[in-house]
Amino acid sequence: MQKSSLLLAIALAWAPLTWANDVTINGTGVSVEANKAPVHTAKNPQAIAQLPQDYRFAVPGKFTVAVAALNSPPLTVFSDDNKTLLGSEVDIARLVADSLGLELNVVPTSWEDWPLGVASGKYDAAISNITVTKERKEKFDFATYRKDSLGFYVKANSPIKSIANAQEIAGLRIIVGSGTNQEAILLAWNEENKKKGLKPFTPVYTKDDAALTLALQSGRADAFFGPNVIGAWKAALTGKTKLVGSVDGGWPKAAHIAVTLKKGGGLVEAVQTSLNGAIKSGDYDKVLNRWGEGVERIPASEINPAGLGD
């Protein structure tokens, strides 16, 4: 790879936030600058009454939430101070905190850290694009807040026209997050292909968004498979990628993204009531719509519904 191409790929991966101030995704115009202003909702007496009297919040008086420490708009994006996290995940966390009469305490963390952090009580919850799965329900409680839609994205000039089923991943090098439901879907498809004598796919794991972009644009990977809203944002922002297929996050069934809580900790009912109150008031729609995620809205929050693997 030529040095000039390498520098261009890195520049695109670490483009300033101002590049993303006006983006249209899923037919909705999104302004990061305008979305710095938080969306609040009213206290929910019913939700507050459901809080266990003996529950000890990680930080007294605050709802402490683990959120991905990534520039992955529209889910999470650092403000221009490079410290404050914005995005739909933070906004959802704020709706729950407001409903419970608590101050929001957002803690940027890694994907690897949130499970132990939630289980140990370091965090009251994790809101990090976490899909409900059969395996995760053994250790955590879930209150859903968004549909899980996944997308396959390739370079804009890629000859690949479609990736939407097991047969179409055969022989491809696909960027995917380790330990995610996306990876689980690809591995299941790969097993199908092995039985049919098709070429295996090769998973490509990257450390961050810069490495992801570089791998795709340099040709070291054929496609990226991840949250559709993240892929749609990048495609709209740079014009360097395109969508070639989408899959439900709970393939072969639908699955939802959920606020993730300690199993049996006693918070899930209050969180569900908080979310349903925000849905009823319209504040939930304000959050999703302003980040271009209205297509993934749900009519009501559910506790521990069927998910990937059920």
C-alpha atoms as a PDB file:
ATOM      1  CA  MET A   1       0.000   0.000   0.000  1.00  0.00           C
ATOM      2  CA  GLN A   2       1.341   3.431  -0.953  1.00  0.00           C
ATOM      3  CA  LYS A   3       2.120   5.897   1.830  1.00  0.00           C
ATOM      4  CA  SER A   4      -0.347   8.457   0.437  1.00  0.00           C
ATOM      5  CA  SER A   5      -3.173   5.903   0.484  1.00  0.00           C
ATOM      6  CA  LEU A   6      -2.281   4.903   4.036  1.00  0.00           C
ATOM      7  CA  LEU A   7      -2.387   8.509   5.219  1.00  0.00           C
ATOM      8  CA  LEU A   8      -5.716   9.079   3.489  1.00  0.00           C
ATOM      9  CA  ALA A   9      -7.279   6.044   5.132  1.00  0.00           C
ATOM     10  CA  ILE A  10      -6.065   7.147   8.560  1.00  0.00           C
ATOM     11  CA  ALA A  11      -7.337  10.668   7.953  1.00  0.00           C
ATOM     12  CA  LEU A  12     -10.776   9.376   7.038  1.00  0.00           C
ATOM     13  CA  ALA A  13     -10.874   7.176  10.127  1.00  0.00           C
ATOM     14  CA  TRP A  14      -9.988  10.038  12.460  1.00  0.00           C
ATOM     15  CA  ALA A  15     -11.901  12.816  10.716  1.00  0.00           C
ATOM     16  CA  PRO A  16     -12.843  15.709  13.029  1.00  0.00           C
ATOM     17  CA  LEU A  17     -16.272  15.712  14.583  1.00  0.00           C
ATOM     18  CA  THR A  18     -17.224  18.772  12.528  1.00  0.00           C
ATOM     19  CA  TRP A  19     -17.320  16.543   9.460  1.00  0.00           C
ATOM     20  CA  ALA A  20     -20.309  14.801  11.028  1.00  0.00           C
ATOM     21  CA  ASN A  21     -22.279  17.881  12.011  1.00  0.00           C
ATOM     22  CA  ASP A  22     -24.732  17.464   9.136  1.00  0.00           C
ATOM     23  CA  VAL A  23     -25.381  13.888   8.084  1.00  0.00           C
ATOM     24  CA  THR A  24     -28.479  12.257   6.653  1.00  0.00           C
ATOM     25  CA  ILE A  25     -29.074   8.639   7.674  1.00  0.00           C
ATOM     26  CA  ASN A  26     -32.214   6.587   7.151  1.00  0.00           C
ATOM     27  CA  GLY A  27     -33.754   9.666   5.553  1.00  0.00           C
ATOM     28  CA  THR A  28     -33.239  11.806   8.656  1.00  0.00           C
ATOM     29  CA  GLY A  29     -30.940  14.805   8.946  1.00  0.00           C
ATOM     30  CA  VAL A  30     -28.706  14.594  12.013  1.00  0.00           C
ATOM     31  CA  SER A  31     -26.733  17.437  13.594  1.00  0.00           C
ATOM     32  CA  VAL A  32     -24.206  16.514  16.267  1.00  0.00           C
ATOM     33  CA  GLU A  33     -23.872  20.182  17.207  1.00  0.00           C
ATOM     34  CA  ALA A  34     -27.617  20.518  17.824  1.00  0.00           C
ATOM     35  CA  ASN A  35     -27.697  17.185  19.649  1.00  0.00           C
ATOM     36  CA  LYS A  36     -25.290  18.423  22.305  1.00  0.00           C
ATOM     37  CA  ALA A  37     -28.405  19.740  24.077  1.00  0.00           C
ATOM     38  CA  PRO A  38     -29.724  16.849  26.202  1.00  0.00           C
ATOM     39  CA  VAL A  39     -33.230  15.429  25.946  1.00  0.00           C
ATOM     40  CA  HIS A  40     -34.770  15.184  29.402  1.00  0.00           C
ATOM     41  CA  THR A  41     -37.914  13.492  30.629  1.00  0.00           C
ATOM     42  CA  ALA A  42     -40.035  13.829  33.768  1.00  0.00           C
ATOM     43  CA  LYS A  43     -39.676  11.749  36.924  1.00  0.00           C
ATOM     44  CA  ASN A  44     -41.770   8.594  36.775  1.00  0.00           C
ATOM     45  CA  PRO A  45     -43.368   7.945  40.193  1.00  0.00           C
ATOM     46  CA  GLN A  46     -44.310   4.393  39.229  1.00  0.00           C
ATOM     47  CA  ALA A  47     -40.734   3.566  38.248  1.00  0.00           C
ATOM     48  CA  ILE A  48     -39.323   5.165  41.393  1.00  0.00           C
ATOM     49  CA  ALA A  49     -41.734   3.114  43.517  1.00  0.00           C
ATOM     50  CA  GLN A  50     -40.356  -0.061  41.914  1.00  0.00           C
ATOM     51  CA  LEU A  51     -36.810   0.606  43.109  1.00  0.00           C
ATOM     52  CA  PRO A  52     -35.834  -1.859  45.862  1.00  0.00           C
ATOM     53  CA  GLN A  53     -35.495  -0.021  49.172  1.00  0.00           C
ATOM     54  CA  ASP A  54     -32.234  -1.794  49.920  1.00  0.00           C
ATOM     55  CA  TYR A  55     -30.673  -1.282  46.489  1.00  0.00           C
ATOM     56  CA  ARG A  56     -27.256   0.339  46.610  1.00  0.00           C
ATOM     57  CA  PHE A  57     -26.424   2.350  43.528  1.00  0.00           C
ATOM     58  CA  ALA A  58     -22.795   2.273  42.408  1.00  0.00           C
ATOM     59  CA  VAL A  59     -22.645   5.987  43.225  1.00  0.00           C
ATOM     60  CA  PRO A  60     -25.328   7.200  45.684  1.00  0.00           C
ATOM     61  CA  GLY A  61     -27.903   9.421  44.003  1.00  0.00           C
ATOM     62  CA  LYS A  62     -26.643   8.594  40.521  1.00  0.00           C
ATOM     63  CA  PHE A  63     -27.476   6.092  37.790  1.00  0.00           C
ATOM     64  CA  THR A  64     -24.047   4.836  36.726  1.00  0.00           C
ATOM     65  CA  VAL A  65     -24.032   3.484  33.194  1.00  0.00           C
ATOM     66  CA  ALA A  66     -21.239   1.849  31.211  1.00  0.00           C
ATOM     67  CA  VAL A  67     -21.226   3.151  27.641  1.00  0.00           C
ATOM     68  CA  ALA A  68     -18.812   2.220  24.857  1.00  0.00           C
ATOM     69  CA  ALA A  69     -15.790   4.520  24.825  1.00  0.00           C
ATOM     70  CA  LEU A  70     -15.842   4.686  21.047  1.00  0.00           C
ATOM     71  CA  ASN A  71     -16.441   7.243  18.341  1.00  0.00           C
ATOM     72  CA  SER A  72     -19.249   5.189  16.796  1.00  0.00           C
ATOM     73  CA  PRO A  73     -21.979   7.658  15.896  1.00  0.00           C
ATOM     74  CA  PRO A  74     -24.891   7.742  16.141  1.00  0.00           C
ATOM     75  CA  LEU A  75     -24.637   5.396  19.142  1.00  0.00           C
ATOM     76  CA  THR A  76     -21.715   7.151  20.826  1.00  0.00           C
ATOM     77  CA  VAL A  77     -19.591  10.092  19.721  1.00  0.00           C
ATOM     78  CA  PHE A  78     -17.177  12.270  21.639  1.00  0.00           C
ATOM     79  CA  SER A  79     -17.971  15.962  21.778  1.00  0.00           C
ATOM     80  CA  ASP A  80     -15.367  18.506  20.694  1.00  0.00           C
ATOM     81  CA  ASP A  81     -13.796  18.436  24.174  1.00  0.00           C
ATOM     82  CA  ASN A  82     -12.834  14.779  23.482  1.00  0.00           C
ATOM     83  CA  LYS A  83     -14.211  13.852  26.912  1.00  0.00           C
ATOM     84  CA  THR A  84     -17.989  14.230  26.864  1.00  0.00           C
ATOM     85  CA  LEU A  85     -19.877  11.351  25.266  1.00  0.00           C
ATOM     86  CA  LEU A  86     -22.913  12.125  23.143  1.00  0.00           C
ATOM     87  CA  GLY A  87     -25.111   9.804  21.119  1.00  0.00           C
ATOM     88  CA  SER A  88     -28.338   7.848  21.310  1.00  0.00           C
ATOM     89  CA  GLU A  89     -26.983   5.439  23.944  1.00  0.00           C
ATOM     90  CA  VAL A  90     -26.195   8.326  26.292  1.00  0.00           C
ATOM     91  CA  ASP A  91     -29.599   9.871  25.590  1.00  0.00           C
ATOM     92  CA  ILE A  92     -31.392   6.609  26.445  1.00  0.00           C
ATOM     93  CA  ALA A  93     -29.398   6.371  29.674  1.00  0.00           C
ATOM     94  CA  ARG A  94     -30.462   9.923  30.548  1.00  0.00           C
ATOM     95  CA  LEU A  95     -34.144   9.118  29.993  1.00  0.00           C
ATOM     96  CA  VAL A  96     -33.868   6.249  32.488  1.00  0.00           C
ATOM     97  CA  ALA A  97     -31.919   8.319  35.023  1.00  0.00           C
ATOM     98  CA  ASP A  98     -34.396  11.208  34.794  1.00  0.00           C
ATOM     99  CA  SER A  99     -37.335   8.835  35.184  1.00  0.00           C
ATOM    100  CA  LEU A 100     -35.792   7.391  38.347  1.00  0.00           C
ATOM    101  CA  GLY A 101     -35.055  10.836  39.781  1.00  0.00           C
ATOM    102  CA  LEU A 102     -31.307  10.250  39.598  1.00  0.00           C
ATOM    103  CA  GLU A 103     -28.339  12.088  38.124  1.00  0.00           C
ATOM    104  CA  LEU A 104     -26.789  10.370  35.127  1.00  0.00           C
ATOM    105  CA  ASN A 105     -23.207   9.158  35.551  1.00  0.00           C
ATOM    106  CA  VAL A 106     -21.814   7.944  32.221  1.00  0.00           C
ATOM    107  CA  VAL A 107     -18.645   5.846  32.387  1.00  0.00           C
ATOM    108  CA  PRO A 108     -16.874   5.228  29.056  1.00  0.00           C
ATOM    109  CA  THR A 109     -15.689   1.635  29.006  1.00  0.00           C
ATOM    110  CA  SER A 110     -14.624  -1.176  26.706  1.00  0.00           C
ATOM    111  CA  TRP A 111     -16.788  -3.997  25.413  1.00  0.00           C
ATOM    112  CA  GLU A 112     -14.683  -6.441  27.435  1.00  0.00           C
ATOM    113  CA  ASP A 113     -15.222  -4.539  30.707  1.00  0.00           C
ATOM    114  CA  TRP A 114     -18.976  -4.097  30.958  1.00  0.00           C
ATOM    115  CA  PRO A 115     -19.970  -7.715  31.838  1.00  0.00           C
ATOM    116  CA  LEU A 116     -17.795  -7.894  34.952  1.00  0.00           C
ATOM    117  CA  GLY A 117     -18.570  -4.266  35.793  1.00  0.00           C
ATOM    118  CA  VAL A 118     -22.323  -4.859  35.781  1.00  0.00           C
ATOM    119  CA  ALA A 119     -22.087  -8.205  37.590  1.00  0.00           C
ATOM    120  CA  SER A 120     -19.881  -6.735  40.332  1.00  0.00           C
ATOM    121  CA  GLY A 121     -21.994  -3.616  40.879  1.00  0.00           C
ATOM    122  CA  LYS A 122     -19.333  -1.259  39.536  1.00  0.00           C
ATOM    123  CA  TYR A 123     -22.004  -0.098  37.082  1.00  0.00           C
ATOM    124  CA  ASP A 124     -25.742  -0.060  37.649  1.00  0.00           C
ATOM    125  CA  ALA A 125     -26.279  -0.818  33.978  1.00  0.00           C
ATOM    126  CA  ALA A 126     -24.605  -1.103  30.606  1.00  0.00           C
ATOM    127  CA  ILE A 127     -26.069   0.626  27.556  1.00  0.00           C
ATOM    128  CA  SER A 128     -23.704  -0.292  24.771  1.00  0.00           C
ATOM    129  CA  ASN A 129     -25.702  -1.699  21.838  1.00  0.00           C
ATOM    130  CA  ILE A 130     -26.057  -4.987  23.726  1.00  0.00           C
ATOM    131  CA  THR A 131     -28.293  -7.562  22.084  1.00  0.00           C
ATOM    132  CA  VAL A 132     -30.486  -9.907  24.101  1.00  0.00           C
ATOM    133  CA  THR A 133     -29.172 -13.458  23.737  1.00  0.00           C
ATOM    134  CA  LYS A 134     -30.027 -16.754  25.381  1.00  0.00           C
ATOM    135  CA  GLU A 135     -26.533 -17.030  26.841  1.00  0.00           C
ATOM    136  CA  ARG A 136     -26.461 -13.486  28.235  1.00  0.00           C
ATOM    137  CA  LYS A 137     -29.846 -13.938  29.924  1.00  0.00           C
ATOM    138  CA  GLU A 138     -28.236 -16.528  32.177  1.00  0.00           C
ATOM    139  CA  LYS A 139     -26.122 -13.767  33.741  1.00  0.00           C
ATOM    140  CA  PHE A 140     -28.021 -10.515  33.165  1.00  0.00           C
ATOM    141  CA  ASP A 141     -31.486  -8.970  33.110  1.00  0.00           C
ATOM    142  CA  PHE A 142     -32.593  -6.983  30.076  1.00  0.00           C
ATOM    143  CA  ALA A 143     -35.073  -4.174  29.395  1.00  0.00           C
ATOM    144  CA  THR A 144     -35.304  -3.601  25.647  1.00  0.00           C
ATOM    145  CA  TYR A 145     -35.247  -0.202  23.942  1.00  0.00           C
ATOM    146  CA  ARG A 146     -34.415  -0.682  20.247  1.00  0.00           C
ATOM    147  CA  LYS A 147     -34.540  -3.194  17.407  1.00  0.00           C
ATOM    148  CA  ASP A 148     -31.248  -4.822  16.506  1.00  0.00           C
ATOM    149  CA  SER A 149     -30.549  -4.385  12.813  1.00  0.00           C
ATOM    150  CA  LEU A 150     -27.188  -5.408  11.363  1.00  0.00           C
ATOM    151  CA  GLY A 151     -25.623  -4.419   8.062  1.00  0.00           C
ATOM    152  CA  PHE A 152     -22.912  -5.607   5.705  1.00  0.00           C
ATOM    153  CA  TYR A 153     -20.869  -2.720   4.298  1.00  0.00           C
ATOM    154  CA  VAL A 154     -18.207  -2.844   1.581  1.00  0.00           C
ATOM    155  CA  LYS A 155     -16.051  -0.284  -0.236  1.00  0.00           C
ATOM    156  CA  ALA A 156     -18.071   1.946  -2.535  1.00  0.00           C
ATOM    157  CA  ASN A 157     -16.307   0.508  -5.585  1.00  0.00           C
ATOM    158  CA  SER A 158     -16.434  -3.112  -4.418  1.00  0.00           C
ATOM    159  CA  PRO A 159     -17.721  -5.667  -6.940  1.00  0.00           C
ATOM    160  CA  ILE A 160     -19.694  -7.312  -4.128  1.00  0.00           C
ATOM    161  CA  LYS A 161     -23.398  -6.665  -4.707  1.00  0.00           C
ATOM    162  CA  SER A 162     -25.041  -8.685  -1.944  1.00  0.00           C
ATOM    163  CA  ILE A 163     -24.248 -10.297   1.398  1.00  0.00           C
ATOM    164  CA  ALA A 164     -27.432 -11.429   3.056  1.00  0.00           C
ATOM    165  CA  ASN A 165     -27.119 -15.152   3.744  1.00  0.00           C
ATOM    166  CA  ALA A 166     -24.658 -17.907   4.588  1.00  0.00           C
ATOM    167  CA  GLN A 167     -23.729 -18.746   1.007  1.00  0.00           C
ATOM    168  CA  GLU A 168     -22.723 -15.151   0.285  1.00  0.00           C
ATOM    169  CA  ILE A 169     -20.048 -14.980   3.011  1.00  0.00           C
ATOM    170  CA  ALA A 170     -18.144 -17.976   1.634  1.00  0.00           C
ATOM    171  CA  GLY A 171     -14.510 -17.089   1.017  1.00  0.00           C
ATOM    172  CA  LEU A 172     -14.840 -13.505   2.229  1.00  0.00           C
ATOM    173  CA  ARG A 173     -12.747 -11.667   4.830  1.00  0.00           C
ATOM    174  CA  ILE A 174     -15.220  -9.924   7.117  1.00  0.00           C
ATOM    175  CA  ILE A 175     -14.509  -7.407   9.876  1.00  0.00           C
ATOM    176  CA  VAL A 176     -16.543  -8.297  12.960  1.00  0.00           C
ATOM    177  CA  GLY A 177     -16.386  -7.618  16.688  1.00  0.00           C
ATOM    178  CA  SER A 178     -15.133 -10.446  18.885  1.00  0.00           C
ATOM    179  CA  GLY A 179     -17.758 -11.795  21.280  1.00  0.00           C
ATOM    180  CA  THR A 180     -20.638 -10.032  19.520  1.00  0.00           C
ATOM    181  CA  ASN A 181     -23.870 -11.484  18.195  1.00  0.00           C
ATOM    182  CA  GLN A 182     -22.633 -10.497  14.731  1.00  0.00           C
ATOM    183  CA  GLU A 183     -19.735 -12.895  15.181  1.00  0.00           C
ATOM    184  CA  ALA A 184     -22.105 -15.611  16.399  1.00  0.00           C
ATOM    185  CA  ILE A 185     -24.227 -15.243  13.261  1.00  0.00           C
ATOM    186  CA  LEU A 186     -21.209 -15.452  10.959  1.00  0.00           C
ATOM    187  CA  LEU A 187     -19.869 -18.512  12.768  1.00  0.00           C
ATOM    188  CA  ALA A 188     -23.266 -20.226  12.473  1.00  0.00           C
ATOM    189  CA  TRP A 189     -23.369 -19.434   8.768  1.00  0.00           C
ATOM    190  CA  ASN A 190     -19.830 -20.723   8.388  1.00  0.00           C
ATOM    191  CA  GLU A 191     -20.858 -24.078   9.859  1.00  0.00           C
ATOM    192  CA  GLU A 192     -23.677 -24.269   7.302  1.00  0.00           C
ATOM    193  CA  ASN A 193     -21.205 -23.582   4.523  1.00  0.00           C
ATOM    194  CA  LYS A 194     -18.770 -26.246   5.752  1.00  0.00           C
ATOM    195  CA  LYS A 195     -21.524 -28.864   5.492  1.00  0.00           C
ATOM    196  CA  LYS A 196     -22.139 -27.761   1.899  1.00  0.00           C
ATOM    197  CA  GLY A 197     -18.467 -27.831   0.983  1.00  0.00           C
ATOM    198  CA  LEU A 198     -18.218 -24.055   0.539  1.00  0.00           C
ATOM    199  CA  LYS A 199     -15.135 -22.023   1.346  1.00  0.00           C
ATOM    200  CA  PRO A 200     -14.912 -20.742   4.944  1.00  0.00           C
ATOM    201  CA  PHE A 201     -15.073 -17.044   5.655  1.00  0.00           C
ATOM    202  CA  THR A 202     -12.206 -15.364   7.486  1.00  0.00           C
ATOM    203  CA  PRO A 203     -13.052 -13.160  10.494  1.00  0.00           C
ATOM    204  CA  VAL A 204     -11.017  -9.969  10.705  1.00  0.00           C
ATOM    205  CA  TYR A 205     -10.709  -8.414  14.168  1.00  0.00           C
ATOM    206  CA  THR A 206      -9.637  -4.787  14.533  1.00  0.00           C
ATOM    207  CA  LYS A 207      -8.714  -2.801  17.636  1.00  0.00           C
ATOM    208  CA  ASP A 208     -10.572   0.402  16.804  1.00  0.00           C
ATOM    209  CA  ASP A 209     -12.424   2.341  14.138  1.00  0.00           C
ATOM    210  CA  ALA A 210      -9.211   3.598  12.548  1.00  0.00           C
ATOM    211  CA  ALA A 211      -7.950   0.049  12.043  1.00  0.00           C
ATOM    212  CA  LEU A 212     -11.360  -1.032  10.764  1.00  0.00           C
ATOM    213  CA  THR A 213     -11.444   1.712   8.144  1.00  0.00           C
ATOM    214  CA  LEU A 214      -7.865   1.041   7.111  1.00  0.00           C
ATOM    215  CA  ALA A 215      -8.464  -2.699   6.703  1.00  0.00           C
ATOM    216  CA  LEU A 216     -11.531  -2.144   4.535  1.00  0.00           C
ATOM    217  CA  GLN A 217     -10.152   0.662   2.388  1.00  0.00           C
ATOM    218  CA  SER A 218      -6.764  -1.025   1.879  1.00  0.00           C
ATOM    219  CA  GLY A 219      -8.351  -4.258   0.704  1.00  0.00           C
ATOM    220  CA  ARG A 220      -7.241  -6.377   3.657  1.00  0.00           C
ATOM    221  CA  ALA A 221     -10.919  -7.061   4.344  1.00  0.00           C
ATOM    222  CA  ASP A 222     -13.851  -7.460   1.971  1.00  0.00           C
ATOM    223  CA  ALA A 223     -16.653  -6.276   4.241  1.00  0.00           C
ATOM    224  CA  PHE A 224     -17.661  -4.971   7.652  1.00  0.00           C
ATOM    225  CA  PHE A 225     -20.563  -6.566   9.558  1.00  0.00           C
ATOM    226  CA  GLY A 226     -21.988  -4.578  12.447  1.00  0.00           C
ATOM    227  CA  PRO A 227     -24.783  -2.312  13.693  1.00  0.00           C
ATOM    228  CA  ASN A 228     -26.577  -0.933  10.657  1.00  0.00           C
ATOM    229  CA  VAL A 229     -26.915   2.593  12.039  1.00  0.00           C
ATOM    230  CA  ILE A 230     -23.136   2.854  12.523  1.00  0.00           C
ATOM    231  CA  GLY A 231     -22.506   1.633   9.000  1.00  0.00           C
ATOM    232  CA  ALA A 232     -25.130   3.994   7.583  1.00  0.00           C
ATOM    233  CA  TRP A 233     -23.511   6.951   9.367  1.00  0.00           C
ATOM    234  CA  LYS A 234     -20.060   6.164   7.969  1.00  0.00           C
ATOM    235  CA  ALA A 235     -21.421   5.650   4.466  1.00  0.00           C
ATOM    236  CA  ALA A 236     -23.244   8.987   4.546  1.00  0.00           C
ATOM    237  CA  LEU A 237     -20.263  10.783   6.059  1.00  0.00           C
ATOM    238  CA  THR A 238     -17.513   9.684   3.674  1.00  0.00           C
ATOM    239  CA  GLY A 239     -19.205   8.112   0.670  1.00  0.00           C
ATOM    240  CA  LYS A 240     -16.481   5.453   0.819  1.00  0.00           C
ATOM    241  CA  THR A 241     -18.717   2.508   1.732  1.00  0.00           C
ATOM    242  CA  LYS A 242     -22.082   1.082   0.742  1.00  0.00           C
ATOM    243  CA  LEU A 243     -24.691  -1.253   2.226  1.00  0.00           C
ATOM    244  CA  VAL A 244     -24.982  -4.624   0.484  1.00  0.00           C
ATOM    245  CA  GLY A 245     -27.184  -6.526   2.908  1.00  0.00           C
ATOM    246  CA  SER A 246     -28.975  -6.431   6.254  1.00  0.00           C
ATOM    247  CA  VAL A 247     -29.807  -9.100   8.825  1.00  0.00           C
ATOM    248  CA  ASP A 248     -31.867  -9.191  12.013  1.00  0.00           C
ATOM    249  CA  GLY A 249     -29.627  -9.206  15.075  1.00  0.00           C
ATOM    250  CA  GLY A 250     -31.250 -12.359  16.405  1.00  0.00           C
ATOM    251  CA  TRP A 251     -30.993 -14.292  13.157  1.00  0.00           C
ATOM    252  CA  PRO A 252     -33.002 -16.214  12.137  1.00  0.00           C
ATOM    253  CA  LYS A 253     -35.410 -14.358  14.404  1.00  0.00           C
ATOM    254  CA  ALA A 254     -35.644 -10.704  15.368  1.00  0.00           C
ATOM    255  CA  ALA A 255     -33.807  -9.504  18.478  1.00  0.00           C
ATOM    256  CA  HIS A 256     -33.676  -6.303  20.457  1.00  0.00           C
ATOM    257  CA  ILE A 257     -31.039  -4.094  22.027  1.00  0.00           C
ATOM    258  CA  ALA A 258     -31.493  -3.682  25.774  1.00  0.00           C
ATOM    259  CA  VAL A 259     -30.408  -1.940  28.937  1.00  0.00           C
ATOM    260  CA  THR A 260     -28.321  -4.614  30.633  1.00  0.00           C
ATOM    261  CA  LEU A 261     -28.526  -5.100  34.403  1.00  0.00           C
ATOM    262  CA  LYS A 262     -27.230  -7.465  37.062  1.00  0.00           C
ATOM    263  CA  LYS A 263     -29.264 -10.671  37.134  1.00  0.00           C
ATOM    264  CA  GLY A 264     -31.742 -10.566  40.002  1.00  0.00           C
ATOM    265  CA  GLY A 265     -30.472  -7.156  41.099  1.00  0.00           C
ATOM    266  CA  GLY A 266     -33.973  -5.736  41.322  1.00  0.00           C
ATOM    267  CA  LEU A 267     -33.659  -2.851  38.847  1.00  0.00           C
ATOM    268  CA  VAL A 268     -35.087  -4.308  35.665  1.00  0.00           C
ATOM    269  CA  GLU A 269     -38.762  -3.598  36.403  1.00  0.00           C
ATOM    270  CA  ALA A 270     -38.045   0.040  37.279  1.00  0.00           C
ATOM    271  CA  VAL A 271     -35.940   0.468  34.147  1.00  0.00           C
ATOM    272  CA  GLN A 272     -38.635  -1.076  31.962  1.00  0.00           C
ATOM    273  CA  THR A 273     -41.252   1.234  33.459  1.00  0.00           C
ATOM    274  CA  SER A 274     -38.930   4.193  32.879  1.00  0.00           C
ATOM    275  CA  LEU A 275     -38.500   3.286  29.222  1.00  0.00           C
ATOM    276  CA  ASN A 276     -42.204   2.705  28.668  1.00  0.00           C
ATOM    277  CA  GLY A 277     -42.959   6.056  30.287  1.00  0.00           C
ATOM    278  CA  ALA A 278     -40.513   7.778  27.927  1.00  0.00           C
ATOM    279  CA  ILE A 279     -42.066   5.965  24.969  1.00  0.00           C
ATOM    280  CA  LYS A 280     -45.534   7.124  26.010  1.00  0.00           C
ATOM    281  CA  SER A 281     -44.430  10.739  26.557  1.00  0.00           C
ATOM    282  CA  GLY A 282     -42.709  10.959  23.176  1.00  0.00           C
ATOM    283  CA  ASP A 283     -39.273  11.673  24.645  1.00  0.00           C
ATOM    284  CA  TYR A 284     -38.052   8.285  23.458  1.00  0.00           C
ATOM    285  CA  ASP A 285     -38.994   9.147  19.874  1.00  0.00           C
ATOM    286  CA  LYS A 286     -37.225  12.497  20.196  1.00  0.00           C
ATOM    287  CA  VAL A 287     -34.022  10.651  21.050  1.00  0.00           C
ATOM    288  CA  LEU A 288     -34.177   8.076  18.267  1.00  0.00           C
ATOM    289  CA  ASN A 289     -35.347  10.520  15.616  1.00  0.00           C
ATOM    290  CA  ARG A 290     -32.661  13.096  16.290  1.00  0.00           C
ATOM    291  CA  TRP A 291     -29.979  10.436  15.769  1.00  0.00           C
ATOM    292  CA  GLY A 292     -31.572   8.923  12.666  1.00  0.00           C
ATOM    293  CA  GLU A 293     -32.608   5.731  14.455  1.00  0.00           C
ATOM    294  CA  GLY A 294     -36.381   6.052  14.204  1.00  0.00           C
ATOM    295  CA  VAL A 295     -36.517   2.970  11.981  1.00  0.00           C
ATOM    296  CA  GLU A 296     -35.372   0.896  14.970  1.00  0.00           C
ATOM    297  CA  ARG A 297     -37.986   2.101  17.463  1.00  0.00           C
ATOM    298  CA  ILE A 298     -40.032  -0.400  19.460  1.00  0.00           C
ATOM    299  CA  PRO A 299     -43.607   0.144  20.713  1.00  0.00           C
ATOM    300  CA  ALA A 300     -42.842  -1.017  24.255  1.00  0.00           C
ATOM    301  CA  SER A 301     -39.945  -2.195  26.394  1.00  0.00           C
ATOM    302  CA  GLU A 302     -39.884  -5.878  27.310  1.00  0.00           C
ATOM    303  CA  ILE A 303     -38.058  -7.740  30.061  1.00  0.00           C
ATOM    304  CA  ASN A 304     -35.847 -10.666  29.016  1.00  0.00           C
ATOM    305  CA  PRO A 305     -37.598 -11.470  25.709  1.00  0.00           C
ATOM    306  CA  ALA A 306     -36.477 -14.131  23.254  1.00  0.00           C
ATOM    307  CA  GLY A 307     -33.127 -13.324  21.693  1.00  0.00           C
ATOM    308  CA  LEU A 308     -30.294 -14.792  19.679  1.00  0.00           C
ATOM    309  CA  GLY A 309     -30.051 -18.515  20.400  1.00  0.00           C
ATOM    310  CA  ASP A 310     -33.589 -18.941  21.781  1.00  0.00           C
END
